[in-house]
Structures are given as structure tokens and as C-alpha cells.
Amino acid sequence: MLYMLKELDSKGRIFQDDDTTEYFSAADYGSDDAAKAAAMDAYNFRVRQTDENWGAGVGKTRWTVLAVGPKPQP
């Protein structure tokens, strides 16, 4: 599974540019669970950073994590 951290616009739509996109894959992190954990850590960091700069609660409206690809088999 590939996890993508994406920025959203003010209407909740995913930005089409890749300037703020981050990618997390099992190939890079050793397992799907580790990739997902890294993506969530990055998401939480961006949310905190956005809240600090733009006000509490704004971060969750500006960032999302997408899971792309087939679910890994156990």
C-alpha cells in the first residue's frame, strides 16, 4: 500500500500539484504498518504546524492521508 499525505484547498479538495505531497511505502519503511505509522506521524505534524500558524482546528481541514493500491495480504 502507498500512503500519500496531501494538502487540501479551502473547499476540502485535494490540490493537484505535488509541491506538498509526501509518499510513504512499505518498500521505504520495511512494512505496511511502518509506512502507515510514518504517514500518520507526518499528518499529525502538519496538522499541529497548521494549527499553530492558522488557528486551532484548521489543520484537520487542510491535510489528509490517502491509501492507494491493494490491501497487503497477511
Protein backbone atom coordinates (compact mmCIF):
# COMPACT_ATOMS: atom_id res chain seq x y z
CA MET A 1 0.00 0.00 0.00
CA LEU A 2 1.18 3.50 -0.75
CA TYR A 3 0.17 6.25 1.65
CA MET A 4 0.07 9.84 0.43
CA LEU A 5 -0.07 12.94 2.61
CA LYS A 6 -1.95 15.56 0.60
CA GLU A 7 -2.86 19.18 1.24
CA LEU A 8 -6.48 20.24 0.72
CA ASP A 9 -7.74 23.58 -0.55
CA SER A 10 -10.19 25.75 1.40
CA LYS A 11 -13.13 23.75 -0.03
CA GLY A 12 -11.68 20.39 1.00
CA ARG A 13 -10.50 19.40 -2.48
CA ILE A 14 -7.10 17.80 -2.96
CA PHE A 15 -4.53 20.13 -4.52
CA GLN A 16 -3.48 18.86 -7.94
CA ASP A 17 0.15 19.98 -7.62
CA ASP A 18 2.75 17.85 -5.88
CA ASP A 19 4.56 20.62 -4.01
CA THR A 20 3.20 19.47 -0.64
CA THR A 21 2.64 15.76 -1.34
CA GLU A 22 4.62 13.22 0.68
CA TYR A 23 4.75 9.49 -0.09
CA PHE A 24 5.14 6.57 2.33
CA SER A 25 5.50 2.97 1.15
CA ALA A 26 6.36 -0.40 2.67
CA ALA A 27 9.37 -0.55 0.35
CA ASP A 28 10.78 2.56 2.04
CA TYR A 29 9.74 1.78 5.62
CA GLY A 30 10.10 -2.02 5.78
CA SER A 31 6.43 -2.87 6.28
CA ASP A 32 2.98 -1.56 5.53
CA ASP A 33 2.35 -0.86 9.21
CA ALA A 34 5.55 1.20 9.44
CA ALA A 35 4.64 3.15 6.28
CA LYS A 36 1.17 3.89 7.65
CA ALA A 37 2.64 4.97 11.01
CA ALA A 38 5.11 7.29 9.25
CA ALA A 39 2.30 8.80 7.18
CA MET A 40 0.21 9.41 10.29
CA ASP A 41 3.19 10.95 12.12
CA ALA A 42 3.70 13.33 9.18
CA TYR A 43 -0.03 14.10 9.10
CA ASN A 44 -0.09 14.89 12.83
CA PHE A 45 2.98 17.11 12.45
CA ARG A 46 1.40 19.06 9.56
CA VAL A 47 -1.89 19.43 11.44
CA ARG A 48 -0.09 20.80 14.53
CA GLN A 49 2.03 23.12 12.38
CA THR A 50 -1.03 24.43 10.52
CA ASP A 51 -2.99 24.91 13.76
CA GLU A 52 -0.08 26.90 15.24
CA ASN A 53 0.11 29.16 12.19
CA TRP A 54 -3.57 29.48 11.19
CA GLY A 55 -5.54 28.73 14.35
CA ALA A 56 -6.82 25.71 16.24
CA GLY A 57 -8.78 23.21 14.18
CA VAL A 58 -7.62 24.45 10.78
CA GLY A 59 -5.03 21.70 10.29
CA LYS A 60 -7.54 18.87 10.05
CA THR A 61 -9.35 20.73 7.28
CA ARG A 62 -6.11 21.23 5.30
CA TRP A 63 -4.47 17.76 5.34
CA THR A 64 -5.45 14.17 4.57
CA VAL A 65 -3.78 10.78 4.21
CA LEU A 66 -4.80 8.66 1.23
CA ALA A 67 -4.18 4.91 0.98
CA VAL A 68 -3.55 3.88 -2.63
CA GLY A 69 -3.27 0.37 -4.00
CA PRO A 70 -4.30 -3.12 -3.00
CA LYS A 71 -4.54 -4.03 0.67
CA PRO A 72 -1.46 -6.00 1.70
CA GLN A 73 -2.02 -9.72 2.25
CA PRO A 74 -1.23 -11.12 5.72
